[in-house]
Amino acid sequence: MRKRRPDDITSAAADRGFRVLSLLTGIVLVLLLTAYPHVAMDRWGAADHVAALVLLWSMSAGLVSGVGFVPAGGLPRLLLSSQACLLALVLGVLRILGH
């Protein structure tokens, strides 16, 4: 097996390093949704499943991409990326502010 040299890495290769902002986003969402689950409720006290879904998606994407794991498949790689973490977080905040 041939060893990779740093100059062999192309720009299309995945960056497997830590992403601090994504990891912090995931950790904050874990703590928030565990300590204060009412954040994913509407103004009448009923569970808002869409808000919970996108916040948990943001949490999962933040934790996965934050530790540097890059899934092999195309769709999981897209859904668990740092960009997906940010997108889901924005969607969740907009959903919560719309209550």
N, C-alpha and C. Protein backbone atom coordinates (compact mmCIF):
# COMPACT_ATOMS: atom_id res chain seq x y z
N MET A 1 0.83 -1.17 0.00
CA MET A 1 0.00 0.00 0.00
C MET A 1 0.89 1.24 0.00
N ARG A 2 0.49 2.20 -0.78
CA ARG A 2 1.26 3.42 -0.94
C ARG A 2 0.84 4.44 0.11
N LYS A 3 1.80 5.11 0.71
CA LYS A 3 1.51 6.14 1.69
C LYS A 3 1.17 7.44 0.97
N ARG A 4 0.25 8.17 1.54
CA ARG A 4 -0.12 9.47 0.97
C ARG A 4 0.80 10.54 1.47
N ARG A 5 1.23 11.35 0.57
CA ARG A 5 2.02 12.53 0.93
C ARG A 5 1.09 13.73 0.96
N PRO A 6 1.44 14.77 1.70
CA PRO A 6 0.57 15.95 1.76
C PRO A 6 0.30 16.58 0.40
N ASP A 7 1.23 16.49 -0.53
CA ASP A 7 1.00 17.10 -1.83
C ASP A 7 0.10 16.23 -2.72
N ASP A 8 -0.24 14.99 -2.29
CA ASP A 8 -1.15 14.13 -3.04
C ASP A 8 -2.61 14.47 -2.77
N ILE A 9 -2.88 15.23 -1.74
CA ILE A 9 -4.25 15.53 -1.35
C ILE A 9 -4.81 16.57 -2.31
N THR A 10 -5.96 16.25 -2.87
CA THR A 10 -6.60 17.18 -3.79
C THR A 10 -7.58 18.06 -3.05
N SER A 11 -8.05 19.08 -3.69
CA SER A 11 -9.01 19.98 -3.06
C SER A 11 -10.36 19.31 -2.86
N ALA A 12 -10.64 18.24 -3.61
CA ALA A 12 -11.91 17.52 -3.47
C ALA A 12 -11.90 16.57 -2.29
N ALA A 13 -10.75 16.32 -1.70
CA ALA A 13 -10.67 15.41 -0.56
C ALA A 13 -11.36 16.03 0.65
N ALA A 14 -12.00 15.18 1.43
CA ALA A 14 -12.74 15.67 2.60
C ALA A 14 -11.78 16.09 3.70
N ASP A 15 -12.12 17.17 4.35
CA ASP A 15 -11.36 17.65 5.50
C ASP A 15 -11.87 16.92 6.72
N ARG A 16 -11.04 16.09 7.34
CA ARG A 16 -11.47 15.28 8.46
C ARG A 16 -11.07 15.86 9.81
N GLY A 17 -10.73 17.13 9.85
CA GLY A 17 -10.33 17.75 11.10
C GLY A 17 -11.52 18.16 11.96
N PHE A 18 -11.23 18.53 13.20
CA PHE A 18 -12.27 19.00 14.11
C PHE A 18 -12.84 20.31 13.60
N ARG A 19 -14.13 20.47 13.75
CA ARG A 19 -14.81 21.73 13.45
C ARG A 19 -15.41 22.21 14.76
N VAL A 20 -14.75 23.15 15.39
CA VAL A 20 -15.11 23.57 16.74
C VAL A 20 -16.51 24.17 16.79
N LEU A 21 -16.86 25.00 15.83
CA LEU A 21 -18.17 25.65 15.86
C LEU A 21 -19.29 24.62 15.71
N SER A 22 -19.13 23.65 14.83
CA SER A 22 -20.14 22.60 14.67
C SER A 22 -20.25 21.76 15.93
N LEU A 23 -19.11 21.42 16.51
CA LEU A 23 -19.12 20.62 17.73
C LEU A 23 -19.77 21.37 18.88
N LEU A 24 -19.46 22.64 19.02
CA LEU A 24 -20.09 23.45 20.07
C LEU A 24 -21.60 23.59 19.85
N THR A 25 -22.01 23.73 18.61
CA THR A 25 -23.44 23.80 18.30
C THR A 25 -24.13 22.51 18.72
N GLY A 26 -23.54 21.38 18.38
CA GLY A 26 -24.12 20.10 18.77
C GLY A 26 -24.20 19.93 20.27
N ILE A 27 -23.14 20.29 20.98
CA ILE A 27 -23.13 20.15 22.44
C ILE A 27 -24.14 21.08 23.10
N VAL A 28 -24.22 22.33 22.63
CA VAL A 28 -25.19 23.27 23.19
C VAL A 28 -26.61 22.78 22.95
N LEU A 29 -26.89 22.23 21.79
CA LEU A 29 -28.24 21.72 21.51
C LEU A 29 -28.54 20.48 22.36
N VAL A 30 -27.55 19.63 22.60
CA VAL A 30 -27.76 18.48 23.48
C VAL A 30 -28.16 18.97 24.87
N LEU A 31 -27.42 19.92 25.40
CA LEU A 31 -27.70 20.44 26.74
C LEU A 31 -29.04 21.19 26.78
N LEU A 32 -29.31 21.99 25.77
CA LEU A 32 -30.55 22.76 25.72
C LEU A 32 -31.77 21.86 25.65
N LEU A 33 -31.74 20.89 24.73
CA LEU A 33 -32.91 20.03 24.55
C LEU A 33 -33.08 19.03 25.69
N THR A 34 -32.01 18.76 26.42
CA THR A 34 -32.11 17.89 27.58
C THR A 34 -32.62 18.66 28.80
N ALA A 35 -32.06 19.82 29.05
CA ALA A 35 -32.43 20.60 30.24
C ALA A 35 -33.73 21.38 30.04
N TYR A 36 -34.02 21.81 28.85
CA TYR A 36 -35.19 22.64 28.59
C TYR A 36 -35.89 22.17 27.31
N PRO A 37 -36.58 21.02 27.37
CA PRO A 37 -37.23 20.49 26.16
C PRO A 37 -38.42 21.32 25.70
N HIS A 38 -38.88 22.26 26.53
CA HIS A 38 -40.02 23.09 26.16
C HIS A 38 -39.69 24.05 25.01
N VAL A 39 -38.41 24.14 24.67
CA VAL A 39 -38.03 25.01 23.56
C VAL A 39 -38.63 24.50 22.24
N ALA A 40 -38.94 23.21 22.18
CA ALA A 40 -39.52 22.63 20.96
C ALA A 40 -41.03 22.46 21.11
N MET A 41 -41.66 23.40 21.80
CA MET A 41 -43.12 23.39 21.93
C MET A 41 -43.69 24.67 21.34
N ASP A 42 -44.94 24.59 20.93
CA ASP A 42 -45.58 25.79 20.42
C ASP A 42 -46.17 26.60 21.58
N ARG A 43 -46.82 27.70 21.27
CA ARG A 43 -47.30 28.60 22.34
C ARG A 43 -48.45 28.01 23.14
N TRP A 44 -49.09 26.96 22.63
CA TRP A 44 -50.18 26.31 23.35
C TRP A 44 -49.70 25.14 24.20
N GLY A 45 -48.41 24.88 24.20
CA GLY A 45 -47.86 23.81 25.02
C GLY A 45 -47.82 22.45 24.35
N ALA A 46 -48.19 22.38 23.09
CA ALA A 46 -48.13 21.12 22.36
C ALA A 46 -46.75 20.98 21.73
N ALA A 47 -46.33 19.75 21.58
CA ALA A 47 -45.02 19.50 20.99
C ALA A 47 -45.00 19.94 19.52
N ASP A 48 -43.98 20.66 19.14
CA ASP A 48 -43.79 21.06 17.75
C ASP A 48 -42.79 20.09 17.14
N HIS A 49 -43.31 19.11 16.44
CA HIS A 49 -42.47 18.04 15.92
C HIS A 49 -41.50 18.52 14.85
N VAL A 50 -41.90 19.51 14.08
CA VAL A 50 -41.01 20.03 13.04
C VAL A 50 -39.82 20.76 13.68
N ALA A 51 -40.09 21.57 14.70
CA ALA A 51 -39.01 22.27 15.39
C ALA A 51 -38.05 21.26 16.04
N ALA A 52 -38.63 20.23 16.69
CA ALA A 52 -37.79 19.21 17.31
C ALA A 52 -36.96 18.47 16.27
N LEU A 53 -37.56 18.17 15.13
CA LEU A 53 -36.86 17.46 14.06
C LEU A 53 -35.66 18.24 13.56
N VAL A 54 -35.85 19.52 13.24
CA VAL A 54 -34.73 20.27 12.68
C VAL A 54 -33.68 20.60 13.74
N LEU A 55 -34.08 20.79 15.00
CA LEU A 55 -33.08 21.01 16.05
C LEU A 55 -32.27 19.74 16.31
N LEU A 56 -32.93 18.59 16.30
CA LEU A 56 -32.19 17.34 16.48
C LEU A 56 -31.31 17.02 15.26
N TRP A 57 -31.76 17.40 14.08
CA TRP A 57 -30.93 17.24 12.88
C TRP A 57 -29.69 18.12 13.00
N SER A 58 -29.88 19.37 13.44
CA SER A 58 -28.74 20.26 13.61
C SER A 58 -27.78 19.72 14.66
N MET A 59 -28.32 19.18 15.75
CA MET A 59 -27.49 18.60 16.80
C MET A 59 -26.68 17.43 16.26
N SER A 60 -27.34 16.53 15.55
CA SER A 60 -26.66 15.36 15.00
C SER A 60 -25.58 15.75 13.99
N ALA A 61 -25.93 16.67 13.09
CA ALA A 61 -24.96 17.11 12.09
C ALA A 61 -23.79 17.82 12.76
N GLY A 62 -24.06 18.59 13.79
CA GLY A 62 -22.99 19.29 14.50
C GLY A 62 -22.04 18.33 15.19
N LEU A 63 -22.60 17.31 15.83
CA LEU A 63 -21.74 16.35 16.52
C LEU A 63 -20.93 15.50 15.54
N VAL A 64 -21.58 15.05 14.47
CA VAL A 64 -20.89 14.19 13.50
C VAL A 64 -19.79 14.96 12.78
N SER A 65 -20.13 16.13 12.24
CA SER A 65 -19.12 16.88 11.51
C SER A 65 -18.11 17.53 12.45
N GLY A 66 -18.54 17.82 13.67
CA GLY A 66 -17.65 18.46 14.63
C GLY A 66 -16.48 17.60 15.06
N VAL A 67 -16.70 16.30 15.14
CA VAL A 67 -15.59 15.41 15.52
C VAL A 67 -14.75 15.00 14.33
N GLY A 68 -15.15 15.42 13.13
CA GLY A 68 -14.34 15.16 11.95
C GLY A 68 -14.73 13.93 11.17
N PHE A 69 -15.86 13.30 11.51
CA PHE A 69 -16.30 12.11 10.77
C PHE A 69 -16.98 12.54 9.48
N VAL A 70 -16.61 11.92 8.38
CA VAL A 70 -17.22 12.20 7.09
C VAL A 70 -17.83 10.90 6.57
N PRO A 71 -19.17 10.79 6.50
CA PRO A 71 -19.81 9.57 6.01
C PRO A 71 -19.41 9.26 4.58
N ALA A 72 -19.42 7.98 4.24
CA ALA A 72 -18.98 7.55 2.92
C ALA A 72 -20.02 7.84 1.84
N GLY A 73 -21.30 7.67 2.17
CA GLY A 73 -22.35 7.87 1.18
C GLY A 73 -22.61 9.33 0.90
N GLY A 74 -23.18 9.61 -0.26
CA GLY A 74 -23.43 10.99 -0.67
C GLY A 74 -24.51 11.68 0.14
N LEU A 75 -25.66 11.03 0.34
CA LEU A 75 -26.75 11.66 1.08
C LEU A 75 -26.42 11.82 2.56
N PRO A 76 -25.89 10.80 3.24
CA PRO A 76 -25.49 11.02 4.64
C PRO A 76 -24.41 12.09 4.78
N ARG A 77 -23.50 12.16 3.83
CA ARG A 77 -22.46 13.19 3.87
C ARG A 77 -23.07 14.57 3.76
N LEU A 78 -24.09 14.70 2.94
CA LEU A 78 -24.77 15.98 2.77
C LEU A 78 -25.60 16.34 4.01
N LEU A 79 -26.32 15.37 4.56
CA LEU A 79 -27.20 15.63 5.70
C LEU A 79 -26.45 15.83 7.01
N LEU A 80 -25.22 15.35 7.11
CA LEU A 80 -24.47 15.44 8.36
C LEU A 80 -23.24 16.35 8.22
N SER A 81 -23.31 17.32 7.35
CA SER A 81 -22.20 18.24 7.13
C SER A 81 -22.35 19.48 8.02
N SER A 82 -21.32 20.29 8.07
CA SER A 82 -21.37 21.53 8.83
C SER A 82 -22.39 22.50 8.23
N GLN A 83 -22.52 22.49 6.92
CA GLN A 83 -23.49 23.37 6.27
C GLN A 83 -24.91 22.94 6.63
N ALA A 84 -25.15 21.63 6.71
CA ALA A 84 -26.47 21.14 7.11
C ALA A 84 -26.77 21.50 8.55
N CYS A 85 -25.75 21.48 9.40
CA CYS A 85 -25.91 21.88 10.80
C CYS A 85 -26.39 23.32 10.88
N LEU A 86 -25.77 24.20 10.14
CA LEU A 86 -26.14 25.61 10.14
C LEU A 86 -27.53 25.80 9.54
N LEU A 87 -27.82 25.14 8.44
CA LEU A 87 -29.13 25.26 7.80
C LEU A 87 -30.24 24.80 8.74
N ALA A 88 -30.05 23.65 9.37
CA ALA A 88 -31.07 23.13 10.27
C ALA A 88 -31.23 24.02 11.50
N LEU A 89 -30.14 24.58 11.99
CA LEU A 89 -30.22 25.48 13.14
C LEU A 89 -31.02 26.74 12.77
N VAL A 90 -30.77 27.30 11.62
CA VAL A 90 -31.51 28.48 11.17
C VAL A 90 -32.99 28.14 10.99
N LEU A 91 -33.29 27.00 10.38
CA LEU A 91 -34.68 26.59 10.21
C LEU A 91 -35.37 26.38 11.55
N GLY A 92 -34.66 25.78 12.50
CA GLY A 92 -35.24 25.57 13.83
C GLY A 92 -35.52 26.87 14.55
N VAL A 93 -34.58 27.80 14.49
CA VAL A 93 -34.77 29.09 15.15
C VAL A 93 -35.92 29.85 14.49
N LEU A 94 -36.00 29.82 13.18
CA LEU A 94 -37.11 30.49 12.49
C LEU A 94 -38.45 29.85 12.85
N ARG A 95 -38.47 28.54 12.98
CA ARG A 95 -39.70 27.84 13.37
C ARG A 95 -40.13 28.23 14.78
N ILE A 96 -39.16 28.29 15.69
CA ILE A 96 -39.46 28.64 17.08
C ILE A 96 -39.91 30.10 17.19
N LEU A 97 -39.25 30.99 16.46
CA LEU A 97 -39.63 32.41 16.50
C LEU A 97 -41.00 32.65 15.87
N GLY A 98 -41.44 31.75 15.02
CA GLY A 98 -42.74 31.87 14.39
C GLY A 98 -43.90 31.47 15.28
N HIS A 99 -43.64 30.99 16.47
CA HIS A 99 -44.72 30.57 17.39
C HIS A 99 -45.42 31.74 17.95
